[in-house]
């Protein structure tokens, strides 16, 4: 695909404000199916050529990279104090639910201690990026949004490659638990502080002066 990344936009979408742009979320769900189900062969729920699950709710925030409305990457954000459901099983967010043994097939030893329930802590999942530079742009926009929301930390569940990419991009990443995995591959939980976007821009400027090759990874 011939894409001009200078035309890339990274949109933050949440209902009801983003209802007029919800086609991008639909395209992102389709993109997730292509990445995680078709390419990586993860056993995830698919309907109408889209991948979605219990964490895709009306309060979910999506950060989506696109060029002329064609999705080339994105991520999903949820606050860690949210709850999903009122029955026998009440979900919260992926890392915590896995540790509480609510997600069959997911390891329960993702974290050294119990994951937080805190309005100032968010979780990032279903991260995927198609081209060099897209991953960094998505992370930058995630940080900007979370900073504006008053968040202090962002948790993530992803491959070791993704964590290394975030580190090379200048993010102060900390592991939350051991390297784990299942039939979908190996991954680990980690966190990053939310920082002032001005500091991020300064760090990126310093890094651009050093030759580096970005390595993209994928999140759960």
Protein backbone atom coordinates (compact mmCIF):
# COMPACT_ATOMS: atom_id res chain seq x y z
CA UNK A 1 0.00 0.00 0.00
CA UNK A 2 1.40 3.39 -0.99
CA UNK A 3 0.71 5.66 1.94
CA UNK A 4 1.90 9.18 2.59
CA UNK A 5 2.41 9.29 6.34
CA UNK A 6 2.52 13.06 6.24
CA UNK A 7 -1.23 12.77 5.58
CA UNK A 8 -1.73 10.52 8.61
CA UNK A 9 -4.13 11.58 11.32
CA UNK A 10 -4.46 10.01 14.76
CA UNK A 11 -7.99 10.39 16.12
CA UNK A 12 -9.25 9.81 19.66
CA UNK A 13 -12.81 8.50 19.51
CA UNK A 14 -15.33 7.98 22.29
CA UNK A 15 -19.10 8.05 22.36
CA UNK A 16 -21.18 10.15 22.22
CA UNK A 17 -18.89 12.94 20.99
CA UNK A 18 -17.39 10.87 18.17
CA UNK A 19 -20.60 9.37 16.81
CA UNK A 20 -20.13 11.14 13.46
CA UNK A 21 -16.74 9.43 13.02
CA UNK A 22 -17.73 5.99 14.29
CA UNK A 23 -16.99 4.51 10.87
CA UNK A 24 -13.32 4.64 11.89
CA UNK A 25 -14.04 2.42 14.88
CA UNK A 26 -15.81 -0.07 12.62
CA UNK A 27 -12.79 -0.05 10.31
CA UNK A 28 -10.48 -0.50 13.30
CA UNK A 29 -12.42 -3.57 14.44
CA UNK A 30 -12.03 -4.97 10.93
CA UNK A 31 -8.33 -4.08 10.98
CA UNK A 32 -7.95 -5.91 14.30
CA UNK A 33 -9.46 -9.02 12.71
CA UNK A 34 -6.92 -8.83 9.88
CA UNK A 35 -3.99 -8.40 12.27
CA UNK A 36 -4.82 -10.64 15.22
CA UNK A 37 -7.02 -13.33 13.67
CA UNK A 38 -5.96 -13.60 10.03
CA UNK A 39 -2.22 -12.97 10.43
CA UNK A 40 -1.44 -14.01 14.00
CA UNK A 41 -4.14 -16.70 14.13
CA UNK A 42 -5.34 -15.79 17.60
CA UNK A 43 -8.56 -17.49 18.69
CA UNK A 44 -10.70 -14.36 19.11
CA UNK A 45 -14.39 -13.63 18.64
CA UNK A 46 -15.24 -12.51 15.10
CA UNK A 47 -18.56 -11.37 13.67
CA UNK A 48 -19.22 -9.66 10.34
CA UNK A 49 -15.47 -9.62 9.56
CA UNK A 50 -14.73 -7.67 12.76
CA UNK A 51 -12.93 -8.66 15.97
CA UNK A 52 -14.49 -7.42 19.19
CA UNK A 53 -15.08 -8.61 22.73
CA UNK A 54 -16.46 -7.63 26.13
CA UNK A 55 -14.00 -4.76 26.52
CA UNK A 56 -15.36 -2.97 23.44
CA UNK A 57 -18.10 -1.02 25.21
CA UNK A 58 -19.68 2.41 25.03
CA UNK A 59 -17.12 3.86 27.46
CA UNK A 60 -14.11 2.48 25.57
CA UNK A 61 -11.74 5.03 24.03
CA UNK A 62 -10.15 4.24 20.66
CA UNK A 63 -6.99 5.89 19.35
CA UNK A 64 -6.90 5.25 15.61
CA UNK A 65 -4.29 6.17 12.99
CA UNK A 66 -5.64 6.65 9.47
CA UNK A 67 -4.74 8.06 6.09
CA UNK A 68 -7.70 9.39 4.11
CA UNK A 69 -10.01 7.38 6.42
CA UNK A 70 -8.09 4.13 5.81
CA UNK A 71 -7.03 2.65 9.15
CA UNK A 72 -3.31 1.86 9.50
CA UNK A 73 -3.11 1.30 13.24
CA UNK A 74 -4.77 1.88 16.56
CA UNK A 75 -5.24 0.99 20.19
CA UNK A 76 -7.97 0.60 22.80
CA UNK A 77 -8.06 2.43 26.13
CA UNK A 78 -10.07 1.67 29.26
CA UNK A 79 -9.97 3.20 32.72
CA UNK A 80 -9.06 0.63 35.36
CA UNK A 81 -11.97 1.48 37.66
CA UNK A 82 -14.62 0.51 35.11
CA UNK A 83 -16.83 -2.55 35.55
CA UNK A 84 -18.57 -4.63 32.90
CA UNK A 85 -21.64 -6.68 33.76
CA UNK A 86 -23.83 -7.20 36.80
CA UNK A 87 -24.13 -10.99 36.91
CA UNK A 88 -22.05 -13.69 38.52
CA UNK A 89 -18.94 -12.55 36.66
CA UNK A 90 -18.13 -8.84 36.60
CA UNK A 91 -15.28 -7.85 34.30
CA UNK A 92 -13.07 -4.80 34.67
CA UNK A 93 -10.07 -4.68 32.31
CA UNK A 94 -7.99 -7.34 30.62
CA UNK A 95 -4.87 -7.45 32.80
CA UNK A 96 -6.82 -7.50 36.06
CA UNK A 97 -9.38 -10.01 34.79
CA UNK A 98 -6.61 -12.35 33.65
CA UNK A 99 -4.95 -12.17 37.08
CA UNK A 100 -8.31 -12.94 38.71
CA UNK A 101 -8.65 -16.02 36.47
CA UNK A 102 -11.72 -14.67 34.67
CA UNK A 103 -10.29 -15.16 31.16
CA UNK A 104 -9.93 -18.82 30.13
CA UNK A 105 -6.68 -19.43 28.31
CA UNK A 106 -4.95 -16.36 29.72
CA UNK A 107 -2.18 -16.81 32.32
CA UNK A 108 -2.97 -15.67 35.87
CA UNK A 109 0.60 -14.73 36.78
CA UNK A 110 0.86 -11.58 34.66
CA UNK A 111 1.56 -9.28 37.63
CA UNK A 112 3.65 -9.54 40.77
CA UNK A 113 0.87 -7.82 42.75
CA UNK A 114 -2.86 -7.26 42.28
CA UNK A 115 -3.55 -4.86 39.39
CA UNK A 116 -4.97 -1.49 40.43
CA UNK A 117 -8.52 -0.19 40.40
CA UNK A 118 -7.88 3.52 40.04
CA UNK A 119 -9.55 6.29 37.97
CA UNK A 120 -6.10 7.76 37.29
CA UNK A 121 -4.72 4.53 35.81
CA UNK A 122 -5.72 3.33 32.33
CA UNK A 123 -5.08 0.18 30.32
CA UNK A 124 -3.99 0.04 26.66
CA UNK A 125 -4.76 -3.10 24.65
CA UNK A 126 -5.33 -4.25 21.05
CA UNK A 127 -2.43 -2.14 19.83
CA UNK A 128 -1.37 -2.65 16.23
CA UNK A 129 0.51 -0.51 13.73
CA UNK A 130 1.06 -1.12 10.04
CA UNK A 131 4.02 1.05 9.09
CA UNK A 132 7.17 2.55 10.64
CA UNK A 133 6.37 5.73 12.53
CA UNK A 134 2.72 4.85 13.09
CA UNK A 135 3.35 3.11 16.42
CA UNK A 136 5.18 6.10 17.86
CA UNK A 137 2.47 8.49 16.66
CA UNK A 138 -0.23 6.40 18.33
CA UNK A 139 1.67 6.25 21.63
CA UNK A 140 2.22 10.00 21.51
CA UNK A 141 -1.49 10.63 20.99
CA UNK A 142 -2.40 8.16 23.75
CA UNK A 143 -0.16 10.05 26.16
CA UNK A 144 -1.65 13.40 25.12
CA UNK A 145 -5.18 12.16 25.70
CA UNK A 146 -4.39 10.55 29.05
CA UNK A 147 -2.52 13.64 30.21
CA UNK A 148 -5.59 15.71 29.42
CA UNK A 149 -7.73 13.27 31.41
CA UNK A 150 -5.51 13.62 34.47
CA UNK A 151 -4.19 10.06 34.27
CA UNK A 152 -0.92 9.17 35.98
CA UNK A 153 -0.11 5.73 34.55
CA UNK A 154 -0.94 3.51 31.59
CA UNK A 155 -0.79 -0.29 31.81
CA UNK A 156 -0.27 -2.50 28.77
CA UNK A 157 -0.14 -6.17 27.89
CA UNK A 158 2.06 -6.90 24.93
CA UNK A 159 4.96 -8.69 23.34
CA UNK A 160 8.56 -8.13 24.50
CA UNK A 161 9.15 -6.51 21.09
CA UNK A 162 6.50 -3.91 21.78
CA UNK A 163 7.98 -3.05 25.17
CA UNK A 164 11.44 -2.68 23.62
CA UNK A 165 10.02 -0.42 20.91
CA UNK A 166 8.40 1.79 23.57
CA UNK A 167 11.71 1.97 25.43
CA UNK A 168 13.61 2.95 22.30
CA UNK A 169 11.02 5.66 21.68
CA UNK A 170 11.98 7.14 25.03
CA UNK A 171 9.15 5.89 27.25
CA UNK A 172 10.20 4.91 30.83
CA UNK A 173 8.66 1.44 30.81
CA UNK A 174 8.46 -0.77 33.92
CA UNK A 175 7.54 -4.45 33.99
CA UNK A 176 4.57 -5.45 36.14
CA UNK A 177 5.25 -9.17 36.09
CA UNK A 178 7.19 -12.04 34.50
CA UNK A 179 7.33 -12.97 30.85
CA UNK A 180 4.32 -15.19 30.28
CA UNK A 181 2.29 -16.52 27.38
CA UNK A 182 -0.20 -18.95 25.92
CA UNK A 183 -0.94 -20.47 22.50
CA UNK A 184 -1.06 -16.93 21.05
CA UNK A 185 2.57 -16.26 21.93
CA UNK A 186 4.70 -14.73 24.67
CA UNK A 187 3.81 -11.45 26.33
CA UNK A 188 4.14 -9.49 29.53
CA UNK A 189 2.37 -6.75 31.45
CA UNK A 190 4.14 -3.42 31.82
CA UNK A 191 3.36 0.18 32.66
CA UNK A 192 4.46 3.65 31.69
CA UNK A 193 3.87 6.98 33.44
CA UNK A 194 1.76 9.58 31.69
CA UNK A 195 3.99 12.60 31.10
CA UNK A 196 3.63 16.18 29.95
CA UNK A 197 3.44 16.15 26.12
CA UNK A 198 6.00 18.96 26.03
CA UNK A 199 8.55 16.61 27.58
CA UNK A 200 7.65 13.91 25.04
CA UNK A 201 8.29 16.29 22.14
CA UNK A 202 11.68 17.23 23.58
CA UNK A 203 12.63 13.58 24.03
CA UNK A 204 11.60 12.74 20.46
CA UNK A 205 13.73 15.59 19.18
CA UNK A 206 16.75 14.17 20.99
CA UNK A 207 16.06 10.68 19.66
CA UNK A 208 15.75 11.89 16.07
CA UNK A 209 19.34 12.99 16.32
CA UNK A 210 20.35 9.40 17.03
CA UNK A 211 20.00 6.74 14.29
CA UNK A 212 17.58 4.06 15.41
CA UNK A 213 15.36 1.50 13.79
CA UNK A 214 11.83 1.21 15.11
CA UNK A 215 10.53 -2.29 15.81
CA UNK A 216 6.77 -2.69 15.89
CA UNK A 217 5.06 -5.12 18.24
CA UNK A 218 1.51 -6.09 19.01
CA UNK A 219 -0.58 -5.87 22.13
CA UNK A 220 -3.34 -8.08 23.37
